[in-house]
Amino acid sequence: ALVLRQIGVCCSLVGRHRHAQICLDEAETLLQAHGSPADRLQARLSTL
């Protein structure tokens, strides 16, 4: 989940928006089950 979030952030920064969204969506889903509250908030920030 943490790696997917970082991939999503990097892809978003370089304009690969579709891939960024796919990675960030999967990261958020995984973090709902496996992440800390802080991880989930950071993922929301990245997605927005």
ModelCIF file with pLDDT and N, C-alpha, C, O atoms, coordinates in Angstrom:
data_MODEL
#
_entry.id   MODEL 
#
_entity.id                         1 
_entity.type                       polymer 
_entity.pdbx_number_of_molecules   1 
#
_entity_poly.entity_id                      1 
_entity_poly.type                           'polypeptide(L)' 
_entity_poly.nstd_linkage                   no 
_entity_poly.nstd_monomer                   no 
_entity_poly.pdbx_seq_one_letter_code       ALVLRQIGVCCSLVGRHRHAQICLDEAETLLQAHGSPADRLQARLSTL 
_entity_poly.pdbx_seq_one_letter_code_can   ALVLRQIGVCCSLVGRHRHAQICLDEAETLLQAHGSPADRLQARLSTL 
_entity_poly.pdbx_strand_id                 A 
#
loop_
_entity_poly_seq.entity_id 
_entity_poly_seq.num 
_entity_poly_seq.mon_id 
_entity_poly_seq.hetero 
1 1  ALA n 
1 2  LEU n 
1 3  VAL n 
1 4  LEU n 
1 5  ARG n 
1 6  GLN n 
1 7  ILE n 
1 8  GLY n 
1 9  VAL n 
1 10 CYS n 
1 11 CYS n 
1 12 SER n 
1 13 LEU n 
1 14 VAL n 
1 15 GLY n 
1 16 ARG n 
1 17 HIS n 
1 18 ARG n 
1 19 HIS n 
1 20 ALA n 
1 21 GLN n 
1 22 ILE n 
1 23 CYS n 
1 24 LEU n 
1 25 ASP n 
1 26 GLU n 
1 27 ALA n 
1 28 GLU n 
1 29 THR n 
1 30 LEU n 
1 31 LEU n 
1 32 GLN n 
1 33 ALA n 
1 34 HIS n 
1 35 GLY n 
1 36 SER n 
1 37 PRO n 
1 38 ALA n 
1 39 ASP n 
1 40 ARG n 
1 41 LEU n 
1 42 GLN n 
1 43 ALA n 
1 44 ARG n 
1 45 LEU n 
1 46 SER n 
1 47 THR n 
1 48 LEU n 
#
_struct_asym.id          A 
_struct_asym.entity_id   1 
#
loop_
_ma_qa_metric.id 
_ma_qa_metric.mode 
_ma_qa_metric.name 
_ma_qa_metric.software_group_id 
_ma_qa_metric.type 
1 global pLDDT . pLDDT 
2 local  pLDDT . pLDDT 
#
_ma_qa_metric_global.metric_id      1 
_ma_qa_metric_global.metric_value   96.08 
_ma_qa_metric_global.model_id       1 
_ma_qa_metric_global.ordinal_id     1 
#
loop_
_ma_qa_metric_local.label_asym_id 
_ma_qa_metric_local.label_comp_id 
_ma_qa_metric_local.label_seq_id 
_ma_qa_metric_local.metric_id 
_ma_qa_metric_local.metric_value 
_ma_qa_metric_local.model_id 
_ma_qa_metric_local.ordinal_id 
A ALA 1  2 98.00 1 1  
A LEU 2  2 97.00 1 2  
A VAL 3  2 97.00 1 3  
A LEU 4  2 98.00 1 4  
A ARG 5  2 97.00 1 5  
A GLN 6  2 95.00 1 6  
A ILE 7  2 97.00 1 7  
A GLY 8  2 97.00 1 8  
A VAL 9  2 96.00 1 9  
A CYS 10 2 95.00 1 10 
A CYS 11 2 96.00 1 11 
A SER 12 2 96.00 1 12 
A LEU 13 2 93.00 1 13 
A VAL 14 2 95.00 1 14 
A GLY 15 2 94.00 1 15 
A ARG 16 2 95.00 1 16 
A HIS 17 2 94.00 1 17 
A ARG 18 2 93.00 1 18 
A HIS 19 2 96.00 1 19 
A ALA 20 2 97.00 1 20 
A GLN 21 2 95.00 1 21 
A ILE 22 2 96.00 1 22 
A CYS 23 2 98.00 1 23 
A LEU 24 2 98.00 1 24 
A ASP 25 2 96.00 1 25 
A GLU 26 2 98.00 1 26 
A ALA 27 2 98.00 1 27 
A GLU 28 2 96.00 1 28 
A THR 29 2 96.00 1 29 
A LEU 30 2 98.00 1 30 
A LEU 31 2 97.00 1 31 
A GLN 32 2 95.00 1 32 
A ALA 33 2 96.00 1 33 
A HIS 34 2 96.00 1 34 
A GLY 35 2 96.00 1 35 
A SER 36 2 95.00 1 36 
A PRO 37 2 95.00 1 37 
A ALA 38 2 95.00 1 38 
A ASP 39 2 96.00 1 39 
A ARG 40 2 96.00 1 40 
A LEU 41 2 97.00 1 41 
A GLN 42 2 96.00 1 42 
A ALA 43 2 96.00 1 43 
A ARG 44 2 96.00 1 44 
A LEU 45 2 97.00 1 45 
A SER 46 2 96.00 1 46 
A THR 47 2 96.00 1 47 
A LEU 48 2 96.00 1 48 
#
loop_
_atom_site.group_PDB 
_atom_site.id 
_atom_site.type_symbol 
_atom_site.label_atom_id 
_atom_site.label_alt_id 
_atom_site.label_comp_id 
_atom_site.label_asym_id 
_atom_site.label_entity_id 
_atom_site.label_seq_id 
_atom_site.pdbx_PDB_ins_code 
_atom_site.Cartn_x 
_atom_site.Cartn_y 
_atom_site.Cartn_z 
_atom_site.occupancy 
_atom_site.B_iso_or_equiv 
_atom_site.pdbx_formal_charge 
_atom_site.auth_seq_id 
_atom_site.auth_comp_id 
_atom_site.auth_asym_id 
_atom_site.auth_atom_id 
_atom_site.pdbx_PDB_model_num 
ATOM 1   N N  . ALA A 1 1  ? 0.830  -1.213 0.000   1.00 98.00 ? 1  ALA A N  1 
ATOM 2   C CA . ALA A 1 1  ? 0.000  0.000  0.000   1.00 98.00 ? 1  ALA A CA 1 
ATOM 3   C C  . ALA A 1 1  ? 0.860  1.256  0.000   1.00 98.00 ? 1  ALA A C  1 
ATOM 4   O O  . ALA A 1 1  ? 0.575  2.203  -0.733  1.00 98.00 ? 1  ALA A O  1 
ATOM 5   N N  . LEU A 1 2  ? 1.910  1.272  0.816   1.00 97.00 ? 2  LEU A N  1 
ATOM 6   C CA . LEU A 1 2  ? 2.781  2.447  0.904   1.00 97.00 ? 2  LEU A CA 1 
ATOM 7   C C  . LEU A 1 2  ? 3.532  2.673  -0.406  1.00 97.00 ? 2  LEU A C  1 
ATOM 8   O O  . LEU A 1 2  ? 3.713  3.815  -0.829  1.00 97.00 ? 2  LEU A O  1 
ATOM 9   N N  . VAL A 1 3  ? 3.968  1.589  -1.048  1.00 97.00 ? 3  VAL A N  1 
ATOM 10  C CA . VAL A 1 3  ? 4.650  1.699  -2.341  1.00 97.00 ? 3  VAL A CA 1 
ATOM 11  C C  . VAL A 1 3  ? 3.679  2.196  -3.406  1.00 97.00 ? 3  VAL A C  1 
ATOM 12  O O  . VAL A 1 3  ? 4.024  3.066  -4.206  1.00 97.00 ? 3  VAL A O  1 
ATOM 13  N N  . LEU A 1 4  ? 2.468  1.648  -3.418  1.00 98.00 ? 4  LEU A N  1 
ATOM 14  C CA . LEU A 1 4  ? 1.473  2.087  -4.402  1.00 98.00 ? 4  LEU A CA 1 
ATOM 15  C C  . LEU A 1 4  ? 1.149  3.567  -4.240  1.00 98.00 ? 4  LEU A C  1 
ATOM 16  O O  . LEU A 1 4  ? 0.958  4.280  -5.225  1.00 98.00 ? 4  LEU A O  1 
ATOM 17  N N  . ARG A 1 5  ? 1.089  4.017  -3.013  1.00 97.00 ? 5  ARG A N  1 
ATOM 18  C CA . ARG A 1 5  ? 0.836  5.450  -2.786  1.00 97.00 ? 5  ARG A CA 1 
ATOM 19  C C  . ARG A 1 5  ? 1.948  6.281  -3.396  1.00 97.00 ? 5  ARG A C  1 
ATOM 20  O O  . ARG A 1 5  ? 1.687  7.286  -4.057  1.00 97.00 ? 5  ARG A O  1 
ATOM 21  N N  . GLN A 1 6  ? 3.186  5.868  -3.177  1.00 95.00 ? 6  GLN A N  1 
ATOM 22  C CA . GLN A 1 6  ? 4.316  6.621  -3.731  1.00 95.00 ? 6  GLN A CA 1 
ATOM 23  C C  . GLN A 1 6  ? 4.337  6.578  -5.258  1.00 95.00 ? 6  GLN A C  1 
ATOM 24  O O  . GLN A 1 6  ? 4.655  7.578  -5.902  1.00 95.00 ? 6  GLN A O  1 
ATOM 25  N N  . ILE A 1 7  ? 3.999  5.421  -5.844  1.00 97.00 ? 7  ILE A N  1 
ATOM 26  C CA . ILE A 1 7  ? 3.908  5.336  -7.304  1.00 97.00 ? 7  ILE A CA 1 
ATOM 27  C C  . ILE A 1 7  ? 2.834  6.305  -7.790  1.00 97.00 ? 7  ILE A C  1 
ATOM 28  O O  . ILE A 1 7  ? 3.034  7.026  -8.767  1.00 97.00 ? 7  ILE A O  1 
ATOM 29  N N  . GLY A 1 8  ? 1.700  6.316  -7.104  1.00 97.00 ? 8  GLY A N  1 
ATOM 30  C CA . GLY A 1 8  ? 0.612  7.216  -7.484  1.00 97.00 ? 8  GLY A CA 1 
ATOM 31  C C  . GLY A 1 8  ? 1.021  8.676  -7.428  1.00 97.00 ? 8  GLY A C  1 
ATOM 32  O O  . GLY A 1 8  ? 0.694  9.452  -8.326  1.00 97.00 ? 8  GLY A O  1 
ATOM 33  N N  . VAL A 1 9  ? 1.729  9.048  -6.385  1.00 96.00 ? 9  VAL A N  1 
ATOM 34  C CA . VAL A 1 9  ? 2.193  10.432 -6.252  1.00 96.00 ? 9  VAL A CA 1 
ATOM 35  C C  . VAL A 1 9  ? 3.138  10.774 -7.401  1.00 96.00 ? 9  VAL A C  1 
ATOM 36  O O  . VAL A 1 9  ? 2.979  11.807 -8.051  1.00 96.00 ? 9  VAL A O  1 
ATOM 37  N N  . CYS A 1 10 ? 4.115  9.915  -7.649  1.00 95.00 ? 10 CYS A N  1 
ATOM 38  C CA . CYS A 1 10 ? 5.084  10.177 -8.724  1.00 95.00 ? 10 CYS A CA 1 
ATOM 39  C C  . CYS A 1 10 ? 4.398  10.257 -10.084 1.00 95.00 ? 10 CYS A C  1 
ATOM 40  O O  . CYS A 1 10 ? 4.683  11.156 -10.875 1.00 95.00 ? 10 CYS A O  1 
ATOM 41  N N  . CYS A 1 11 ? 3.500  9.322  -10.354 1.00 96.00 ? 11 CYS A N  1 
ATOM 42  C CA . CYS A 1 11 ? 2.806  9.331  -11.641 1.00 96.00 ? 11 CYS A CA 1 
ATOM 43  C C  . CYS A 1 11 ? 1.959  10.590 -11.793 1.00 96.00 ? 11 CYS A C  1 
ATOM 44  O O  . CYS A 1 11 ? 1.884  11.164 -12.879 1.00 96.00 ? 11 CYS A O  1 
ATOM 45  N N  . SER A 1 12 ? 1.332  11.011 -10.723 1.00 96.00 ? 12 SER A N  1 
ATOM 46  C CA . SER A 1 12 ? 0.535  12.238 -10.764 1.00 96.00 ? 12 SER A CA 1 
ATOM 47  C C  . SER A 1 12 ? 1.417  13.443 -11.072 1.00 96.00 ? 12 SER A C  1 
ATOM 48  O O  . SER A 1 12 ? 1.032  14.310 -11.856 1.00 96.00 ? 12 SER A O  1 
ATOM 49  N N  . LEU A 1 13 ? 2.583  13.500 -10.468 1.00 93.00 ? 13 LEU A N  1 
ATOM 50  C CA . LEU A 1 13 ? 3.490  14.631 -10.676 1.00 93.00 ? 13 LEU A CA 1 
ATOM 51  C C  . LEU A 1 13 ? 3.967  14.746 -12.121 1.00 93.00 ? 13 LEU A C  1 
ATOM 52  O O  . LEU A 1 13 ? 4.233  15.845 -12.608 1.00 93.00 ? 13 LEU A O  1 
ATOM 53  N N  . VAL A 1 14 ? 4.076  13.598 -12.809 1.00 95.00 ? 14 VAL A N  1 
ATOM 54  C CA . VAL A 1 14 ? 4.568  13.624 -14.200 1.00 95.00 ? 14 VAL A CA 1 
ATOM 55  C C  . VAL A 1 14 ? 3.426  13.567 -15.206 1.00 95.00 ? 14 VAL A C  1 
ATOM 56  O O  . VAL A 1 14 ? 3.666  13.455 -16.408 1.00 95.00 ? 14 VAL A O  1 
ATOM 57  N N  . GLY A 1 15 ? 2.181  13.642 -14.724 1.00 94.00 ? 15 GLY A N  1 
ATOM 58  C CA . GLY A 1 15 ? 1.045  13.709 -15.644 1.00 94.00 ? 15 GLY A CA 1 
ATOM 59  C C  . GLY A 1 15 ? 0.476  12.373 -16.089 1.00 94.00 ? 15 GLY A C  1 
ATOM 60  O O  . GLY A 1 15 ? -0.335 12.323 -17.014 1.00 94.00 ? 15 GLY A O  1 
ATOM 61  N N  . ARG A 1 16 ? 0.885  11.293 -15.445 1.00 95.00 ? 16 ARG A N  1 
ATOM 62  C CA . ARG A 1 16 ? 0.315  9.976  -15.758 1.00 95.00 ? 16 ARG A CA 1 
ATOM 63  C C  . ARG A 1 16 ? -0.894 9.766  -14.835 1.00 95.00 ? 16 ARG A C  1 
ATOM 64  O O  . ARG A 1 16 ? -0.873 8.923  -13.938 1.00 95.00 ? 16 ARG A O  1 
ATOM 65  N N  . HIS A 1 17 ? -1.929 10.542 -15.076 1.00 94.00 ? 17 HIS A N  1 
ATOM 66  C CA . HIS A 1 17 ? -3.049 10.651 -14.147 1.00 94.00 ? 17 HIS A CA 1 
ATOM 67  C C  . HIS A 1 17 ? -3.844 9.362  -13.995 1.00 94.00 ? 17 HIS A C  1 
ATOM 68  O O  . HIS A 1 17 ? -4.244 9.018  -12.883 1.00 94.00 ? 17 HIS A O  1 
ATOM 69  N N  . ARG A 1 18 ? -4.077 8.652  -15.073 1.00 93.00 ? 18 ARG A N  1 
ATOM 70  C CA . ARG A 1 18 ? -4.861 7.415  -14.972 1.00 93.00 ? 18 ARG A CA 1 
ATOM 71  C C  . ARG A 1 18 ? -4.137 6.377  -14.107 1.00 93.00 ? 18 ARG A C  1 
ATOM 72  O O  . ARG A 1 18 ? -4.739 5.762  -13.227 1.00 93.00 ? 18 ARG A O  1 
ATOM 73  N N  . HIS A 1 19 ? -2.854 6.193  -14.366 1.00 96.00 ? 19 HIS A N  1 
ATOM 74  C CA . HIS A 1 19 ? -2.092 5.222  -13.569 1.00 96.00 ? 19 HIS A CA 1 
ATOM 75  C C  . HIS A 1 19 ? -1.996 5.684  -12.112 1.00 96.00 ? 19 HIS A C  1 
ATOM 76  O O  . HIS A 1 19 ? -2.062 4.873  -11.188 1.00 96.00 ? 19 HIS A O  1 
ATOM 77  N N  . ALA A 1 20 ? -1.841 6.986  -11.921 1.00 97.00 ? 20 ALA A N  1 
ATOM 78  C CA . ALA A 1 20 ? -1.796 7.519  -10.557 1.00 97.00 ? 20 ALA A CA 1 
ATOM 79  C C  . ALA A 1 20 ? -3.067 7.177  -9.808  1.00 97.00 ? 20 ALA A C  1 
ATOM 80  O O  . ALA A 1 20 ? -3.012 6.736  -8.660  1.00 97.00 ? 20 ALA A O  1 
ATOM 81  N N  . GLN A 1 21 ? -4.209 7.376  -10.443 1.00 95.00 ? 21 GLN A N  1 
ATOM 82  C CA . GLN A 1 21 ? -5.486 7.114  -9.780  1.00 95.00 ? 21 GLN A CA 1 
ATOM 83  C C  . GLN A 1 21 ? -5.659 5.636  -9.450  1.00 95.00 ? 21 GLN A C  1 
ATOM 84  O O  . GLN A 1 21 ? -6.155 5.290  -8.378  1.00 95.00 ? 21 GLN A O  1 
ATOM 85  N N  . ILE A 1 22 ? -5.252 4.768  -10.369 1.00 96.00 ? 22 ILE A N  1 
ATOM 86  C CA . ILE A 1 22 ? -5.346 3.319  -10.123 1.00 96.00 ? 22 ILE A CA 1 
ATOM 87  C C  . ILE A 1 22 ? -4.514 2.942  -8.904  1.00 96.00 ? 22 ILE A C  1 
ATOM 88  O O  . ILE A 1 22 ? -4.985 2.218  -8.028  1.00 96.00 ? 22 ILE A O  1 
ATOM 89  N N  . CYS A 1 23 ? -3.284 3.430  -8.848  1.00 98.00 ? 23 CYS A N  1 
ATOM 90  C CA . CYS A 1 23 ? -2.400 3.108  -7.721  1.00 98.00 ? 23 CYS A CA 1 
ATOM 91  C C  . CYS A 1 23 ? -2.918 3.687  -6.411  1.00 98.00 ? 23 CYS A C  1 
ATOM 92  O O  . CYS A 1 23 ? -2.909 3.011  -5.382  1.00 98.00 ? 23 CYS A O  1 
ATOM 93  N N  . LEU A 1 24 ? -3.367 4.931  -6.448  1.00 98.00 ? 24 LEU A N  1 
ATOM 94  C CA . LEU A 1 24 ? -3.850 5.570  -5.228  1.00 98.00 ? 24 LEU A CA 1 
ATOM 95  C C  . LEU A 1 24 ? -5.134 4.922  -4.725  1.00 98.00 ? 24 LEU A C  1 
ATOM 96  O O  . LEU A 1 24 ? -5.328 4.790  -3.516  1.00 98.00 ? 24 LEU A O  1 
ATOM 97  N N  . ASP A 1 25 ? -6.014 4.516  -5.641  1.00 96.00 ? 25 ASP A N  1 
ATOM 98  C CA . ASP A 1 25 ? -7.241 3.828  -5.222  1.00 96.00 ? 25 ASP A CA 1 
ATOM 99  C C  . ASP A 1 25 ? -6.914 2.502  -4.543  1.00 96.00 ? 25 ASP A C  1 
ATOM 100 O O  . ASP A 1 25 ? -7.486 2.175  -3.503  1.00 96.00 ? 25 ASP A O  1 
ATOM 101 N N  . GLU A 1 26 ? -5.990 1.738  -5.136  1.00 98.00 ? 26 GLU A N  1 
ATOM 102 C CA . GLU A 1 26 ? -5.612 0.458  -4.521  1.00 98.00 ? 26 GLU A CA 1 
ATOM 103 C C  . GLU A 1 26 ? -4.925 0.684  -3.178  1.00 98.00 ? 26 GLU A C  1 
ATOM 104 O O  . GLU A 1 26 ? -5.163 -0.052 -2.220  1.00 98.00 ? 26 GLU A O  1 
ATOM 105 N N  . ALA A 1 27 ? -4.075 1.704  -3.112  1.00 98.00 ? 27 ALA A N  1 
ATOM 106 C CA . ALA A 1 27 ? -3.394 2.003  -1.852  1.00 98.00 ? 27 ALA A CA 1 
ATOM 107 C C  . ALA A 1 27 ? -4.406 2.337  -0.763  1.00 98.00 ? 27 ALA A C  1 
ATOM 108 O O  . ALA A 1 27 ? -4.297 1.844  0.360   1.00 98.00 ? 27 ALA A O  1 
ATOM 109 N N  . GLU A 1 28 ? -5.391 3.172  -1.091  1.00 96.00 ? 28 GLU A N  1 
ATOM 110 C CA . GLU A 1 28 ? -6.405 3.529  -0.087  1.00 96.00 ? 28 GLU A CA 1 
ATOM 111 C C  . GLU A 1 28 ? -7.182 2.305  0.375   1.00 96.00 ? 28 GLU A C  1 
ATOM 112 O O  . GLU A 1 28 ? -7.459 2.161  1.566   1.00 96.00 ? 28 GLU A O  1 
ATOM 113 N N  . THR A 1 29 ? -7.534 1.429  -0.548  1.00 96.00 ? 29 THR A N  1 
ATOM 114 C CA . THR A 1 29 ? -8.258 0.212  -0.191  1.00 96.00 ? 29 THR A CA 1 
ATOM 115 C C  . THR A 1 29 ? -7.432 -0.660 0.753   1.00 96.00 ? 29 THR A C  1 
ATOM 116 O O  . THR A 1 29 ? -7.940 -1.145 1.764   1.00 96.00 ? 29 THR A O  1 
ATOM 117 N N  . LEU A 1 30 ? -6.164 -0.853 0.419   1.00 98.00 ? 30 LEU A N  1 
ATOM 118 C CA . LEU A 1 30 ? -5.288 -1.663 1.270   1.00 98.00 ? 30 LEU A CA 1 
ATOM 119 C C  . LEU A 1 30 ? -5.074 -1.019 2.633   1.00 98.00 ? 30 LEU A C  1 
ATOM 120 O O  . LEU A 1 30 ? -5.025 -1.711 3.650   1.00 98.00 ? 30 LEU A O  1 
ATOM 121 N N  . LEU A 1 31 ? -4.949 0.280  2.653   1.00 97.00 ? 31 LEU A N  1 
ATOM 122 C CA . LEU A 1 31 ? -4.712 0.969  3.920   1.00 97.00 ? 31 LEU A CA 1 
ATOM 123 C C  . LEU A 1 31 ? -5.930 0.936  4.831   1.00 97.00 ? 31 LEU A C  1 
ATOM 124 O O  . LEU A 1 31 ? -5.785 1.020  6.051   1.00 97.00 ? 31 LEU A O  1 
ATOM 125 N N  . GLN A 1 32 ? -7.117 0.817  4.269   1.00 95.00 ? 32 GLN A N  1 
ATOM 126 C CA . GLN A 1 32 ? -8.314 0.667  5.102   1.00 95.00 ? 32 GLN A CA 1 
ATOM 127 C C  . GLN A 1 32 ? -8.199 -0.585 5.968   1.00 95.00 ? 32 GLN A C  1 
ATOM 128 O O  . GLN A 1 32 ? -8.644 -0.596 7.116   1.00 95.00 ? 32 GLN A O  1 
ATOM 129 N N  . ALA A 1 33 ? -7.607 -1.626 5.420   1.00 96.00 ? 33 ALA A N  1 
ATOM 130 C CA . ALA A 1 33 ? -7.484 -2.884 6.156   1.00 96.00 ? 33 ALA A CA 1 
ATOM 131 C C  . ALA A 1 33 ? -6.163 -3.011 6.913   1.00 96.00 ? 33 ALA A C  1 
ATOM 132 O O  . ALA A 1 33 ? -6.120 -3.656 7.960   1.00 96.00 ? 33 ALA A O  1 
ATOM 133 N N  . HIS A 1 34 ? -5.091 -2.413 6.410   1.00 96.00 ? 34 HIS A N  1 
ATOM 134 C CA . HIS A 1 34 ? -3.755 -2.692 6.951   1.00 96.00 ? 34 HIS A CA 1 
ATOM 135 C C  . HIS A 1 34 ? -3.002 -1.470 7.460   1.00 96.00 ? 34 HIS A C  1 
ATOM 136 O O  . HIS A 1 34 ? -1.951 -1.619 8.084   1.00 96.00 ? 34 HIS A O  1 
ATOM 137 N N  . GLY A 1 35 ? -3.507 -0.276 7.212   1.00 96.00 ? 35 GLY A N  1 
ATOM 138 C CA . GLY A 1 35 ? -2.755 0.922  7.564   1.00 96.00 ? 35 GLY A CA 1 
ATOM 139 C C  . GLY A 1 35 ? -3.186 1.552  8.867   1.00 96.00 ? 35 GLY A C  1 
ATOM 140 O O  . GLY A 1 35 ? -4.246 1.250  9.414   1.00 96.00 ? 35 GLY A O  1 
ATOM 141 N N  . SER A 1 36 ? -2.343 2.425  9.340   1.00 95.00 ? 36 SER A N  1 
ATOM 142 C CA . SER A 1 36 ? -2.674 3.200  10.535  1.00 95.00 ? 36 SER A CA 1 
ATOM 143 C C  . SER A 1 36 ? -3.604 4.339  10.133  1.00 95.00 ? 36 SER A C  1 
ATOM 144 O O  . SER A 1 36 ? -3.737 4.641  8.947   1.00 95.00 ? 36 SER A O  1 
ATOM 145 N N  . PRO A 1 37 ? -4.246 4.972  11.107  1.00 95.00 ? 37 PRO A N  1 
ATOM 146 C CA . PRO A 1 37 ? -5.064 6.140  10.774  1.00 95.00 ? 37 PRO A CA 1 
ATOM 147 C C  . PRO A 1 37 ? -4.265 7.222  10.043  1.00 95.00 ? 37 PRO A C  1 
ATOM 148 O O  . PRO A 1 37 ? -4.782 7.857  9.123   1.00 95.00 ? 37 PRO A O  1 
ATOM 149 N N  . ALA A 1 38 ? -3.013 7.433  10.446  1.00 95.00 ? 38 ALA A N  1 
ATOM 150 C CA . ALA A 1 38 ? -2.175 8.433  9.776   1.00 95.00 ? 38 ALA A CA 1 
ATOM 151 C C  . ALA A 1 38 ? -1.914 8.030  8.329   1.00 95.00 ? 38 ALA A C  1 
ATOM 152 O O  . ALA A 1 38 ? -1.948 8.879  7.439   1.00 95.00 ? 38 ALA A O  1 
ATOM 153 N N  . ASP A 1 39 ? -1.652 6.742  8.079   1.00 96.00 ? 39 ASP A N  1 
ATOM 154 C CA . ASP A 1 39 ? -1.447 6.262  6.705   1.00 96.00 ? 39 ASP A CA 1 
ATOM 155 C C  . ASP A 1 39 ? -2.674 6.536  5.841   1.00 96.00 ? 39 ASP A C  1 
ATOM 156 O O  . ASP A 1 39 ? -2.559 6.956  4.690   1.00 96.00 ? 39 ASP A O  1 
ATOM 157 N N  . ARG A 1 40 ? -3.848 6.293  6.416   1.00 96.00 ? 40 ARG A N  1 
ATOM 158 C CA . ARG A 1 40 ? -5.095 6.502  5.658   1.00 96.00 ? 40 ARG A CA 1 
ATOM 159 C C  . ARG A 1 40 ? -5.299 7.987  5.331   1.00 96.00 ? 40 ARG A C  1 
ATOM 160 O O  . ARG A 1 40 ? -5.732 8.337  4.233   1.00 96.00 ? 40 ARG A O  1 
ATOM 161 N N  . LEU A 1 41 ? -4.983 8.845  6.290   1.00 97.00 ? 41 LEU A N  1 
ATOM 162 C CA . LEU A 1 41 ? -5.120 10.288 6.052   1.00 97.00 ? 41 LEU A CA 1 
ATOM 163 C C  . LEU A 1 41 ? -4.131 10.767 4.993   1.00 97.00 ? 41 LEU A C  1 
ATOM 164 O O  . LEU A 1 41 ? -4.487 11.571 4.131   1.00 97.00 ? 41 LEU A O  1 
ATOM 165 N N  . GLN A 1 42 ? -2.898 10.280 5.052   1.00 96.00 ? 42 GLN A N  1 
ATOM 166 C CA . GLN A 1 42 ? -1.903 10.656 4.056   1.00 96.00 ? 42 GLN A CA 1 
ATOM 167 C C  . GLN A 1 42 ? -2.323 10.181 2.664   1.00 96.00 ? 42 GLN A C  1 
ATOM 168 O O  . GLN A 1 42 ? -2.104 10.879 1.674   1.00 96.00 ? 42 GLN A O  1 
ATOM 169 N N  . ALA A 1 43 ? -2.922 9.005  2.594   1.00 96.00 ? 43 ALA A N  1 
ATOM 170 C CA . ALA A 1 43 ? -3.385 8.488  1.299   1.00 96.00 ? 43 ALA A CA 1 
ATOM 171 C C  . ALA A 1 43 ? -4.511 9.358  0.751   1.00 96.00 ? 43 ALA A C  1 
ATOM 172 O O  . ALA A 1 43 ? -4.561 9.632  -0.449  1.00 96.00 ? 43 ALA A O  1 
ATOM 173 N N  . ARG A 1 44 ? -5.410 9.792  1.625   1.00 96.00 ? 44 ARG A N  1 
ATOM 174 C CA . ARG A 1 44 ? -6.478 10.710 1.170   1.00 96.00 ? 44 ARG A CA 1 
ATOM 175 C C  . ARG A 1 44 ? -5.889 12.008 0.642   1.00 96.00 ? 44 ARG A C  1 
ATOM 176 O O  . ARG A 1 44 ? -6.335 12.529 -0.380  1.00 96.00 ? 44 ARG A O  1 
ATOM 177 N N  . LEU A 1 45 ? -4.891 12.528 1.338   1.00 97.00 ? 45 LEU A N  1 
ATOM 178 C CA . LEU A 1 45 ? -4.231 13.746 0.894   1.00 97.00 ? 45 LEU A CA 1 
ATOM 179 C C  . LEU A 1 45 ? -3.622 13.542 -0.491  1.00 97.00 ? 45 LEU A C  1 
ATOM 180 O O  . LEU A 1 45 ? -3.768 14.392 -1.369  1.00 97.00 ? 45 LEU A O  1 
ATOM 181 N N  . SER A 1 46 ? -2.943 12.416 -0.684  1.00 96.00 ? 46 SER A N  1 
ATOM 182 C CA . SER A 1 46 ? -2.323 12.129 -1.979  1.00 96.00 ? 46 SER A CA 1 
ATOM 183 C C  . SER A 1 46 ? -3.366 12.004 -3.083  1.00 96.00 ? 46 SER A C  1 
ATOM 184 O O  . SER A 1 46 ? -3.162 12.495 -4.193  1.00 96.00 ? 46 SER A O  1 
ATOM 185 N N  . THR A 1 47 ? -4.473 11.352 -2.782  1.00 96.00 ? 47 THR A N  1 
ATOM 186 C CA . THR A 1 47 ? -5.532 11.170 -3.779  1.00 96.00 ? 47 THR A CA 1 
ATOM 187 C C  . THR A 1 47 ? -6.142 12.507 -4.175  1.00 96.00 ? 47 THR A C  1 
ATOM 188 O O  . THR A 1 47 ? -6.378 12.759 -5.357  1.00 96.00 ? 47 THR A O  1 
ATOM 189 N N  . LEU A 1 48 ? -6.396 13.356 -3.200  1.00 96.00 ? 48 LEU A N  1 
ATOM 190 C CA . LEU A 1 48 ? -6.957 14.676 -3.511  1.00 96.00 ? 48 LEU A CA 1 
ATOM 191 C C  . LEU A 1 48 ? -5.962 15.540 -4.286  1.00 96.00 ? 48 LEU A C  1 
ATOM 192 O O  . LEU A 1 48 ? -6.271 16.681 -4.628  1.00 96.00 ? 48 LEU A O  1 
#
